Amino acid sequence: APFYELIKELWPGHFAPTPAHFFLKLLHDKNILLRCYTQNIDSLERQAGLPEEKIVAAHGNFDGAHVVQSRFSDEREIQVDIAELKRALDRGEEGWQALRKE
C-alpha cells in the first residue's frame, strides 16, 4: 500500500535536522522555548535534541504509534511498539499485513 511505502521513506535516519531544528534546540538550551508546535511527522526536532515534552506534534510523529478504535479490542487506543512497527515495515507488505492482524 502506498501509505506504508511512504512511511518507510520518511522513517527517521533518512534525513538530517536542518539549522532551523538546531535553532529550536538552542532556544530550549537558553530556557527561551516554551514548546514547539509542529505539523511535521519526521521527528527531526527530537533528532536535533529537543526533549519530547517540549514537542506538540499536531499530526503525530515517529516517536510512538497506536491503533485507534481497534475492532479487536474494547480499548479506544492500543499502543504499538515503534520498533515492532519498524520491523514490520522493513519486511514489506507481508510484515505490515501481519502486524495489522495482531
PDB file of N, CA and C in Angstrom:
ATOM      1  N   ALA A   1       0.845  -1.185   0.000  1.00  0.00           N
ATOM      2  CA  ALA A   1       0.000   0.000   0.000  1.00  0.00           C
ATOM      3  C   ALA A   1       0.889   1.245   0.000  1.00  0.00           C
ATOM      4  N   PRO A   2       0.481   2.272  -0.705  1.00  0.00           N
ATOM      5  CA  PRO A   2       1.291   3.488  -0.820  1.00  0.00           C
ATOM      6  C   PRO A   2       1.639   4.124   0.526  1.00  0.00           C
ATOM      7  N   PHE A   3       0.705   4.102   1.479  1.00  0.00           N
ATOM      8  CA  PHE A   3       0.970   4.706   2.786  1.00  0.00           C
ATOM      9  C   PHE A   3       2.185   4.072   3.450  1.00  0.00           C
ATOM     10  N   TYR A   4       2.253   2.755   3.457  1.00  0.00           N
ATOM     11  CA  TYR A   4       3.348   2.066   4.135  1.00  0.00           C
ATOM     12  C   TYR A   4       4.680   2.262   3.414  1.00  0.00           C
ATOM     13  N   GLU A   5       4.646   2.394   2.104  1.00  0.00           N
ATOM     14  CA  GLU A   5       5.876   2.678   1.355  1.00  0.00           C
ATOM     15  C   GLU A   5       6.374   4.090   1.682  1.00  0.00           C
ATOM     16  N   LEU A   6       5.456   5.040   1.780  1.00  0.00           N
ATOM     17  CA  LEU A   6       5.827   6.408   2.131  1.00  0.00           C
ATOM     18  C   LEU A   6       6.435   6.462   3.535  1.00  0.00           C
ATOM     19  N   ILE A   7       5.835   5.763   4.475  1.00  0.00           N
ATOM     20  CA  ILE A   7       6.334   5.751   5.851  1.00  0.00           C
ATOM     21  C   ILE A   7       7.754   5.186   5.900  1.00  0.00           C
ATOM     22  N   LYS A   8       8.027   4.149   5.120  1.00  0.00           N
ATOM     23  CA  LYS A   8       9.394   3.606   5.075  1.00  0.00           C
ATOM     24  C   LYS A   8      10.387   4.670   4.634  1.00  0.00           C
ATOM     25  N   GLU A   9      10.014   5.470   3.651  1.00  0.00           N
ATOM     26  CA  GLU A   9      10.908   6.512   3.134  1.00  0.00           C
ATOM     27  C   GLU A   9      11.107   7.647   4.135  1.00  0.00           C
ATOM     28  N   LEU A  10      10.078   7.955   4.916  1.00  0.00           N
ATOM     29  CA  LEU A  10      10.140   9.070   5.860  1.00  0.00           C
ATOM     30  C   LEU A  10      10.702   8.686   7.222  1.00  0.00           C
ATOM     31  N   TRP A  11      10.930   7.383   7.440  1.00  0.00           N
ATOM     32  CA  TRP A  11      11.375   6.921   8.763  1.00  0.00           C
ATOM     33  C   TRP A  11      12.642   7.657   9.189  1.00  0.00           C
ATOM     34  N   PRO A  12      12.730   8.041  10.463  1.00  0.00           N
ATOM     35  CA  PRO A  12      13.918   8.749  10.952  1.00  0.00           C
ATOM     36  C   PRO A  12      15.214   8.018  10.587  1.00  0.00           C
ATOM     37  N   GLY A  13      16.221   8.816  10.248  1.00  0.00           N
ATOM     38  CA  GLY A  13      17.506   8.268   9.837  1.00  0.00           C
ATOM     39  C   GLY A  13      17.791   8.521   8.368  1.00  0.00           C
ATOM     40  N   HIS A  14      16.757   8.803   7.608  1.00  0.00           N
ATOM     41  CA  HIS A  14      16.921   9.085   6.180  1.00  0.00           C
ATOM     42  C   HIS A  14      17.215  10.565   5.930  1.00  0.00           C
ATOM     43  N   PHE A  15      16.840  11.403   6.888  1.00  0.00           N
ATOM     44  CA  PHE A  15      17.019  12.846   6.746  1.00  0.00           C
ATOM     45  C   PHE A  15      17.678  13.396   7.999  1.00  0.00           C
ATOM     46  N   ALA A  16      18.360  14.509   7.862  1.00  0.00           N
ATOM     47  CA  ALA A  16      19.052  15.133   8.995  1.00  0.00           C
ATOM     48  C   ALA A  16      18.350  16.434   9.377  1.00  0.00           C
ATOM     49  N   PRO A  17      18.413  16.791  10.663  1.00  0.00           N
ATOM     50  CA  PRO A  17      17.839  18.076  11.079  1.00  0.00           C
ATOM     51  C   PRO A  17      18.515  19.240  10.354  1.00  0.00           C
ATOM     52  N   THR A  18      17.756  20.287  10.133  1.00  0.00           N
ATOM     53  CA  THR A  18      18.248  21.489   9.463  1.00  0.00           C
ATOM     54  C   THR A  18      18.740  22.490  10.514  1.00  0.00           C
ATOM     55  N   PRO A  19      19.380  23.566  10.085  1.00  0.00           N
ATOM     56  CA  PRO A  19      19.752  24.611  11.052  1.00  0.00           C
ATOM     57  C   PRO A  19      18.551  25.133  11.846  1.00  0.00           C
ATOM     58  N   ALA A  20      17.373  25.164  11.247  1.00  0.00           N
ATOM     59  CA  ALA A  20      16.176  25.618  11.961  1.00  0.00           C
ATOM     60  C   ALA A  20      15.849  24.701  13.142  1.00  0.00           C
ATOM     61  N   HIS A  21      16.033  23.390  12.962  1.00  0.00           N
ATOM     62  CA  HIS A  21      15.798  22.445  14.059  1.00  0.00           C
ATOM     63  C   HIS A  21      16.795  22.690  15.198  1.00  0.00           C
ATOM     64  N   PHE A  22      18.046  22.922  14.836  1.00  0.00           N
ATOM     65  CA  PHE A  22      19.060  23.173  15.856  1.00  0.00           C
ATOM     66  C   PHE A  22      18.858  24.535  16.532  1.00  0.00           C
ATOM     67  N   PHE A  23      18.255  25.479  15.812  1.00  0.00           N
ATOM     68  CA  PHE A  23      17.914  26.761  16.413  1.00  0.00           C
ATOM     69  C   PHE A  23      16.878  26.563  17.521  1.00  0.00           C
ATOM     70  N   LEU A  24      15.902  25.698  17.280  1.00  0.00           N
ATOM     71  CA  LEU A  24      14.913  25.384  18.309  1.00  0.00           C
ATOM     72  C   LEU A  24      15.591  24.778  19.540  1.00  0.00           C
ATOM     73  N   LYS A  25      16.564  23.907  19.324  1.00  0.00           N
ATOM     74  CA  LYS A  25      17.317  23.310  20.433  1.00  0.00           C
ATOM     75  C   LYS A  25      18.070  24.396  21.203  1.00  0.00           C
ATOM     76  N   LEU A  26      18.667  25.341  20.496  1.00  0.00           N
ATOM     77  CA  LEU A  26      19.378  26.449  21.137  1.00  0.00           C
ATOM     78  C   LEU A  26      18.420  27.275  22.001  1.00  0.00           C
ATOM     79  N   LEU A  27      17.234  27.555  21.476  1.00  0.00           N
ATOM     80  CA  LEU A  27      16.233  28.281  22.260  1.00  0.00           C
ATOM     81  C   LEU A  27      15.884  27.510  23.530  1.00  0.00           C
ATOM     82  N   HIS A  28      15.761  26.205  23.401  1.00  0.00           N
ATOM     83  CA  HIS A  28      15.488  25.365  24.575  1.00  0.00           C
ATOM     84  C   HIS A  28      16.643  25.444  25.574  1.00  0.00           C
ATOM     85  N   ASP A  29      17.863  25.312  25.089  1.00  0.00           N
ATOM     86  CA  ASP A  29      19.039  25.342  25.959  1.00  0.00           C
ATOM     87  C   ASP A  29      19.150  26.670  26.717  1.00  0.00           C
ATOM     88  N   LYS A  30      18.656  27.738  26.122  1.00  0.00           N
ATOM     89  CA  LYS A  30      18.703  29.062  26.757  1.00  0.00           C
ATOM     90  C   LYS A  30      17.439  29.339  27.582  1.00  0.00           C
ATOM     91  N   ASN A  31      16.597  28.294  27.747  1.00  0.00           N
ATOM     92  CA  ASN A  31      15.344  28.410  28.514  1.00  0.00           C
ATOM     93  C   ASN A  31      14.399  29.469  27.960  1.00  0.00           C
ATOM     94  N   ILE A  32      14.414  29.641  26.648  1.00  0.00           N
ATOM     95  CA  ILE A  32      13.528  30.601  25.984  1.00  0.00           C
ATOM     96  C   ILE A  32      12.313  29.884  25.376  1.00  0.00           C
ATOM     97  N   LEU A  33      12.496  28.644  24.964  1.00  0.00           N
ATOM     98  CA  LEU A  33      11.446  27.894  24.265  1.00  0.00           C
ATOM     99  C   LEU A  33      10.445  27.316  25.260  1.00  0.00           C
ATOM    100  N   LEU A  34       9.201  27.690  25.113  1.00  0.00           N
ATOM    101  CA  LEU A  34       8.159  27.119  25.963  1.00  0.00           C
ATOM    102  C   LEU A  34       7.730  25.762  25.414  1.00  0.00           C
ATOM    103  N   ARG A  35       7.420  25.728  24.120  1.00  0.00           N
ATOM    104  CA  ARG A  35       7.097  24.467  23.445  1.00  0.00           C
ATOM    105  C   ARG A  35       7.244  24.664  21.946  1.00  0.00           C
ATOM    106  N   CYS A  36       7.297  23.556  21.247  1.00  0.00           N
ATOM    107  CA  CYS A  36       7.454  23.577  19.784  1.00  0.00           C
ATOM    108  C   CYS A  36       6.263  22.863  19.165  1.00  0.00           C
ATOM    109  N   TYR A  37       5.433  23.615  18.465  1.00  0.00           N
ATOM    110  CA  TYR A  37       4.313  23.030  17.730  1.00  0.00           C
ATOM    111  C   TYR A  37       4.803  22.698  16.329  1.00  0.00           C
ATOM    112  N   THR A  38       4.543  21.475  15.894  1.00  0.00           N
ATOM    113  CA  THR A  38       4.981  21.087  14.561  1.00  0.00           C
ATOM    114  C   THR A  38       3.896  20.287  13.851  1.00  0.00           C
ATOM    115  N   GLN A  39       3.820  20.459  12.546  1.00  0.00           N
ATOM    116  CA  GLN A  39       2.928  19.660  11.715  1.00  0.00           C
ATOM    117  C   GLN A  39       3.712  18.563  10.997  1.00  0.00           C
ATOM    118  N   ASN A  40       5.026  18.565  11.190  1.00  0.00           N
ATOM    119  CA  ASN A  40       5.871  17.580  10.525  1.00  0.00           C
ATOM    120  C   ASN A  40       5.848  16.265  11.290  1.00  0.00           C
ATOM    121  N   ILE A  41       5.948  15.161  10.577  1.00  0.00           N
ATOM    122  CA  ILE A  41       5.918  13.847  11.221  1.00  0.00           C
ATOM    123  C   ILE A  41       7.298  13.201  11.265  1.00  0.00           C
ATOM    124  N   ASP A  42       8.321  13.919  10.826  1.00  0.00           N
ATOM    125  CA  ASP A  42       9.642  13.312  10.637  1.00  0.00           C
ATOM    126  C   ASP A  42      10.489  13.183  11.902  1.00  0.00           C
ATOM    127  N   SER A  43      10.046  13.734  13.017  1.00  0.00           N
ATOM    128  CA  SER A  43      10.763  13.667  14.307  1.00  0.00           C
ATOM    129  C   SER A  43      12.141  14.333  14.272  1.00  0.00           C
ATOM    130  N   LEU A  44      12.364  15.245  13.342  1.00  0.00           N
ATOM    131  CA  LEU A  44      13.673  15.901  13.259  1.00  0.00           C
ATOM    132  C   LEU A  44      13.933  16.815  14.453  1.00  0.00           C
ATOM    133  N   GLU A  45      12.886  17.299  15.079  1.00  0.00           N
ATOM    134  CA  GLU A  45      13.077  18.104  16.290  1.00  0.00           C
ATOM    135  C   GLU A  45      13.736  17.254  17.386  1.00  0.00           C
ATOM    136  N   ARG A  46      13.277  16.034  17.523  1.00  0.00           N
ATOM    137  CA  ARG A  46      13.873  15.115  18.513  1.00  0.00           C
ATOM    138  C   ARG A  46      15.313  14.777  18.139  1.00  0.00           C
ATOM    139  N   GLN A  47      15.564  14.537  16.848  1.00  0.00           N
ATOM    140  CA  GLN A  47      16.933  14.220  16.407  1.00  0.00           C
ATOM    141  C   GLN A  47      17.874  15.389  16.679  1.00  0.00           C
ATOM    142  N   ALA A  48      17.340  16.604  16.665  1.00  0.00           N
ATOM    143  CA  ALA A  48      18.168  17.778  16.948  1.00  0.00           C
ATOM    144  C   ALA A  48      18.422  17.933  18.446  1.00  0.00           C
ATOM    145  N   GLY A  49      17.716  17.142  19.260  1.00  0.00           N
ATOM    146  CA  GLY A  49      17.956  17.170  20.699  1.00  0.00           C
ATOM    147  C   GLY A  49      16.878  17.828  21.530  1.00  0.00           C
ATOM    148  N   LEU A  50      15.774  18.219  20.909  1.00  0.00           N
ATOM    149  CA  LEU A  50      14.681  18.814  21.660  1.00  0.00           C
ATOM    150  C   LEU A  50      13.990  17.726  22.480  1.00  0.00           C
ATOM    151  N   PRO A  51      13.746  17.966  23.769  1.00  0.00           N
ATOM    152  CA  PRO A  51      13.093  16.941  24.588  1.00  0.00           C
ATOM    153  C   PRO A  51      11.644  16.695  24.157  1.00  0.00           C
ATOM    154  N   GLU A  52      11.214  15.481  24.310  1.00  0.00           N
ATOM    155  CA  GLU A  52       9.874  15.067  23.895  1.00  0.00           C
ATOM    156  C   GLU A  52       8.784  15.932  24.527  1.00  0.00           C
ATOM    157  N   GLU A  53       8.974  16.320  25.789  1.00  0.00           N
ATOM    158  CA  GLU A  53       7.931  17.081  26.480  1.00  0.00           C
ATOM    159  C   GLU A  53       7.771  18.503  25.940  1.00  0.00           C
ATOM    160  N   LYS A  54       8.694  18.984  25.133  1.00  0.00           N
ATOM    161  CA  LYS A  54       8.578  20.319  24.531  1.00  0.00           C
ATOM    162  C   LYS A  54       7.866  20.291  23.179  1.00  0.00           C
ATOM    163  N   ILE A  55       7.695  19.103  22.618  1.00  0.00           N
ATOM    164  CA  ILE A  55       7.167  18.973  21.252  1.00  0.00           C
ATOM    165  C   ILE A  55       5.684  18.635  21.276  1.00  0.00           C
ATOM    166  N   VAL A  56       4.904  19.407  20.529  1.00  0.00           N
ATOM    167  CA  VAL A  56       3.498  19.108  20.302  1.00  0.00           C
ATOM    168  C   VAL A  56       3.384  18.772  18.820  1.00  0.00           C
ATOM    169  N   ALA A  57       3.241  17.484  18.535  1.00  0.00           N
ATOM    170  CA  ALA A  57       3.192  17.011  17.148  1.00  0.00           C
ATOM    171  C   ALA A  57       1.727  16.954  16.707  1.00  0.00           C
ATOM    172  N   ALA A  58       1.311  17.944  15.950  1.00  0.00           N
ATOM    173  CA  ALA A  58      -0.094  18.072  15.552  1.00  0.00           C
ATOM    174  C   ALA A  58      -0.604  16.855  14.777  1.00  0.00           C
ATOM    175  N   HIS A  59       0.244  16.243  13.978  1.00  0.00           N
ATOM    176  CA  HIS A  59      -0.180  15.112  13.147  1.00  0.00           C
ATOM    177  C   HIS A  59       0.509  13.820  13.548  1.00  0.00           C
ATOM    178  N   GLY A  60       1.073  13.785  14.761  1.00  0.00           N
ATOM    179  CA  GLY A  60       1.816  12.602  15.188  1.00  0.00           C
ATOM    180  C   GLY A  60       3.225  12.646  14.631  1.00  0.00           C
ATOM    181  N   ASN A  61       4.010  11.659  15.013  1.00  0.00           N
ATOM    182  CA  ASN A  61       5.383  11.555  14.517  1.00  0.00           C
ATOM    183  C   ASN A  61       5.882  10.133  14.732  1.00  0.00           C
ATOM    184  N   PHE A  62       7.165   9.919  14.587  1.00  0.00           N
ATOM    185  CA  PHE A  62       7.721   8.576  14.689  1.00  0.00           C
ATOM    186  C   PHE A  62       8.193   8.234  16.101  1.00  0.00           C
ATOM    187  N   ASP A  63       7.800   9.022  17.092  1.00  0.00           N
ATOM    188  CA  ASP A  63       8.192   8.736  18.470  1.00  0.00           C
ATOM    189  C   ASP A  63       7.292   7.681  19.103  1.00  0.00           C
ATOM    190  N   GLY A  64       6.162   7.423  18.498  1.00  0.00           N
ATOM    191  CA  GLY A  64       5.234   6.423  19.020  1.00  0.00           C
ATOM    192  C   GLY A  64       4.189   6.083  17.984  1.00  0.00           C
ATOM    193  N   ALA A  65       3.482   4.985  18.215  1.00  0.00           N
ATOM    194  CA  ALA A  65       2.440   4.566  17.278  1.00  0.00           C
ATOM    195  C   ALA A  65       1.316   3.901  18.072  1.00  0.00           C
ATOM    196  N   HIS A  66       0.111   4.018  17.557  1.00  0.00           N
ATOM    197  CA  HIS A  66      -1.022   3.365  18.196  1.00  0.00           C
ATOM    198  C   HIS A  66      -2.103   3.098  17.165  1.00  0.00           C
ATOM    199  N   VAL A  67      -2.975   2.180  17.532  1.00  0.00           N
ATOM    200  CA  VAL A  67      -4.144   1.850  16.733  1.00  0.00           C
ATOM    201  C   VAL A  67      -5.325   2.506  17.426  1.00  0.00           C
ATOM    202  N   VAL A  68      -6.156   3.185  16.670  1.00  0.00           N
ATOM    203  CA  VAL A  68      -7.316   3.856  17.234  1.00  0.00           C
ATOM    204  C   VAL A  68      -8.550   3.004  16.981  1.00  0.00           C
ATOM    205  N   GLN A  69      -9.314   2.759  18.033  1.00  0.00           N
ATOM    206  CA  GLN A  69     -10.569   2.013  17.968  1.00  0.00           C
ATOM    207  C   GLN A  69     -10.447   0.727  17.173  1.00  0.00           C
ATOM    208  N   SER A  70      -9.588  -0.148  17.643  1.00  0.00           N
ATOM    209  CA  SER A  70      -9.425  -1.450  17.004  1.00  0.00           C
ATOM    210  C   SER A  70     -10.719  -2.250  17.110  1.00  0.00           C
ATOM    211  N   ARG A  71     -11.069  -2.930  16.062  1.00  0.00           N
ATOM    212  CA  ARG A  71     -12.282  -3.753  16.105  1.00  0.00           C
ATOM    213  C   ARG A  71     -12.065  -5.019  16.935  1.00  0.00           C
ATOM    214  N   PHE A  72     -10.796  -5.261  17.325  1.00  0.00           N
ATOM    215  CA  PHE A  72     -10.462  -6.460  18.092  1.00  0.00           C
ATOM    216  C   PHE A  72     -10.366  -6.189  19.588  1.00  0.00           C
ATOM    217  N   SER A  73     -10.627  -4.958  20.023  1.00  0.00           N
ATOM    218  CA  SER A  73     -10.457  -4.614  21.425  1.00  0.00           C
ATOM    219  C   SER A  73     -11.476  -3.554  21.826  1.00  0.00           C
ATOM    220  N   ASP A  74     -11.798  -3.535  23.110  1.00  0.00           N
ATOM    221  CA  ASP A  74     -12.693  -2.506  23.632  1.00  0.00           C
ATOM    222  C   ASP A  74     -11.942  -1.221  23.952  1.00  0.00           C
ATOM    223  N   GLU A  75     -10.616  -1.288  23.957  1.00  0.00           N
ATOM    224  CA  GLU A  75      -9.816  -0.100  24.251  1.00  0.00           C
ATOM    225  C   GLU A  75      -9.928   0.892  23.096  1.00  0.00           C
ATOM    226  N   ARG A  76      -9.969   2.190  23.442  1.00  0.00           N
ATOM    227  CA  ARG A  76     -10.031   3.225  22.401  1.00  0.00           C
ATOM    228  C   ARG A  76      -8.722   3.341  21.652  1.00  0.00           C
ATOM    229  N   GLU A  77      -7.619   3.106  22.348  1.00  0.00           N
ATOM    230  CA  GLU A  77      -6.297   3.274  21.752  1.00  0.00           C
ATOM    231  C   GLU A  77      -5.379   2.157  22.237  1.00  0.00           C
ATOM    232  N   ILE A  78      -4.687   1.506  21.319  1.00  0.00           N
ATOM    233  CA  ILE A  78      -3.739   0.452  21.682  1.00  0.00           C
ATOM    234  C   ILE A  78      -2.359   0.892  21.213  1.00  0.00           C
ATOM    235  N   GLN A  79      -1.416   0.981  22.142  1.00  0.00           N
ATOM    236  CA  GLN A  79      -0.041   1.356  21.794  1.00  0.00           C
ATOM    237  C   GLN A  79       0.620   0.233  21.000  1.00  0.00           C
ATOM    238  N   VAL A  80       1.400   0.607  19.998  1.00  0.00           N
ATOM    239  CA  VAL A  80       2.173  -0.339  19.195  1.00  0.00           C
ATOM    240  C   VAL A  80       3.639   0.017  19.390  1.00  0.00           C
ATOM    241  N   ASP A  81       4.441  -0.961  19.756  1.00  0.00           N
ATOM    242  CA  ASP A  81       5.865  -0.724  19.941  1.00  0.00           C
ATOM    243  C   ASP A  81       6.458  -0.211  18.635  1.00  0.00           C
ATOM    244  N   ILE A  82       7.146   0.930  18.703  1.00  0.00           N
ATOM    245  CA  ILE A  82       7.662   1.569  17.490  1.00  0.00           C
ATOM    246  C   ILE A  82       8.711   0.701  16.802  1.00  0.00           C
ATOM    247  N   ALA A  83       9.498  -0.041  17.580  1.00  0.00           N
ATOM    248  CA  ALA A  83      10.493  -0.945  16.990  1.00  0.00           C
ATOM    249  C   ALA A  83       9.801  -2.094  16.260  1.00  0.00           C
ATOM    250  N   GLU A  84       8.684  -2.566  16.811  1.00  0.00           N
ATOM    251  CA  GLU A  84       7.913  -3.626  16.158  1.00  0.00           C
ATOM    252  C   GLU A  84       7.323  -3.128  14.840  1.00  0.00           C
ATOM    253  N   LEU A  85       6.842  -1.894  14.842  1.00  0.00           N
ATOM    254  CA  LEU A  85       6.321  -1.298  13.613  1.00  0.00           C
ATOM    255  C   LEU A  85       7.420  -1.184  12.564  1.00  0.00           C
ATOM    256  N   LYS A  86       8.612  -0.739  12.969  1.00  0.00           N
ATOM    257  CA  LYS A  86       9.728  -0.598  12.034  1.00  0.00           C
ATOM    258  C   LYS A  86      10.093  -1.943  11.427  1.00  0.00           C
ATOM    259  N   ARG A  87      10.169  -2.991  12.257  1.00  0.00           N
ATOM    260  CA  ARG A  87      10.493  -4.329  11.736  1.00  0.00           C
ATOM    261  C   ARG A  87       9.445  -4.793  10.733  1.00  0.00           C
ATOM    262  N   ALA A  88       8.174  -4.528  11.026  1.00  0.00           N
ATOM    263  CA  ALA A  88       7.096  -4.923  10.119  1.00  0.00           C
ATOM    264  C   ALA A  88       7.212  -4.182   8.796  1.00  0.00           C
ATOM    265  N   LEU A  89       7.492  -2.892   8.843  1.00  0.00           N
ATOM    266  CA  LEU A  89       7.632  -2.110   7.611  1.00  0.00           C
ATOM    267  C   LEU A  89       8.827  -2.574   6.790  1.00  0.00           C
ATOM    268  N   ASP A  90       9.916  -2.932   7.469  1.00  0.00           N
ATOM    269  CA  ASP A  90      11.107  -3.409   6.766  1.00  0.00           C
ATOM    270  C   ASP A  90      10.844  -4.718   6.025  1.00  0.00           C
ATOM    271  N   ARG A  91       9.875  -5.484   6.496  1.00  0.00           N
ATOM    272  CA  ARG A  91       9.529  -6.756   5.839  1.00  0.00           C
ATOM    273  C   ARG A  91       8.594  -6.546   4.645  1.00  0.00           C
ATOM    274  N   GLY A  92       8.157  -5.316   4.452  1.00  0.00           N
ATOM    275  CA  GLY A  92       7.284  -5.031   3.314  1.00  0.00           C
ATOM    276  C   GLY A  92       5.835  -5.369   3.615  1.00  0.00           C
ATOM    277  N   GLU A  93       5.072  -5.588   2.567  1.00  0.00           N
ATOM    278  CA  GLU A  93       3.636  -5.815   2.727  1.00  0.00           C
ATOM    279  C   GLU A  93       3.334  -6.990   3.644  1.00  0.00           C
ATOM    280  N   GLU A  94       4.095  -8.047   3.525  1.00  0.00           N
ATOM    281  CA  GLU A  94       3.886  -9.217   4.396  1.00  0.00           C
ATOM    282  C   GLU A  94       4.002  -8.817   5.868  1.00  0.00           C
ATOM    283  N   GLY A  95       4.979  -7.980   6.182  1.00  0.00           N
ATOM    284  CA  GLY A  95       5.202  -7.550   7.555  1.00  0.00           C
ATOM    285  C   GLY A  95       4.088  -6.685   8.103  1.00  0.00           C
ATOM    286  N   TRP A  96       3.689  -5.643   7.348  1.00  0.00           N
ATOM    287  CA  TRP A  96       2.663  -4.763   7.899  1.00  0.00           C
ATOM    288  C   TRP A  96       1.288  -5.420   7.890  1.00  0.00           C
ATOM    289  N   GLN A  97       1.048  -6.342   6.947  1.00  0.00           N
ATOM    290  CA  GLN A  97      -0.220  -7.083   6.962  1.00  0.00           C
ATOM    291  C   GLN A  97      -0.298  -7.967   8.207  1.00  0.00           C
ATOM    292  N   ALA A  98       0.817  -8.618   8.554  1.00  0.00           N
ATOM    293  CA  ALA A  98       0.853  -9.460   9.746  1.00  0.00           C
ATOM    294  C   ALA A  98       0.634  -8.620  11.000  1.00  0.00           C
ATOM    295  N   LEU A  99       1.249  -7.449  11.056  1.00  0.00           N
ATOM    296  CA  LEU A  99       1.079  -6.567  12.209  1.00  0.00           C
ATOM    297  C   LEU A  99      -0.364  -6.075  12.320  1.00  0.00           C
ATOM    298  N   ARG A 100      -0.972  -5.800  11.203  1.00  0.00           N
ATOM    299  CA  ARG A 100      -2.381  -5.364  11.188  1.00  0.00           C
ATOM    300  C   ARG A 100      -3.294  -6.396  11.816  1.00  0.00           C
ATOM    301  N   LYS A 101      -2.982  -7.675  11.596  1.00  0.00           N
ATOM    302  CA  LYS A 101      -3.834  -8.747  12.106  1.00  0.00           C
ATOM    303  C   LYS A 101      -3.685  -8.952  13.603  1.00  0.00           C
ATOM    304  N   GLU A 102      -2.567  -8.492  14.160  1.00  0.00           N
ATOM    305  CA  GLU A 102      -2.345  -8.663  15.609  1.00  0.00           C
ATOM    306  C   GLU A 102      -3.221  -7.798  16.391  1.00  0.00           C
TER     307      GLU A 102
END
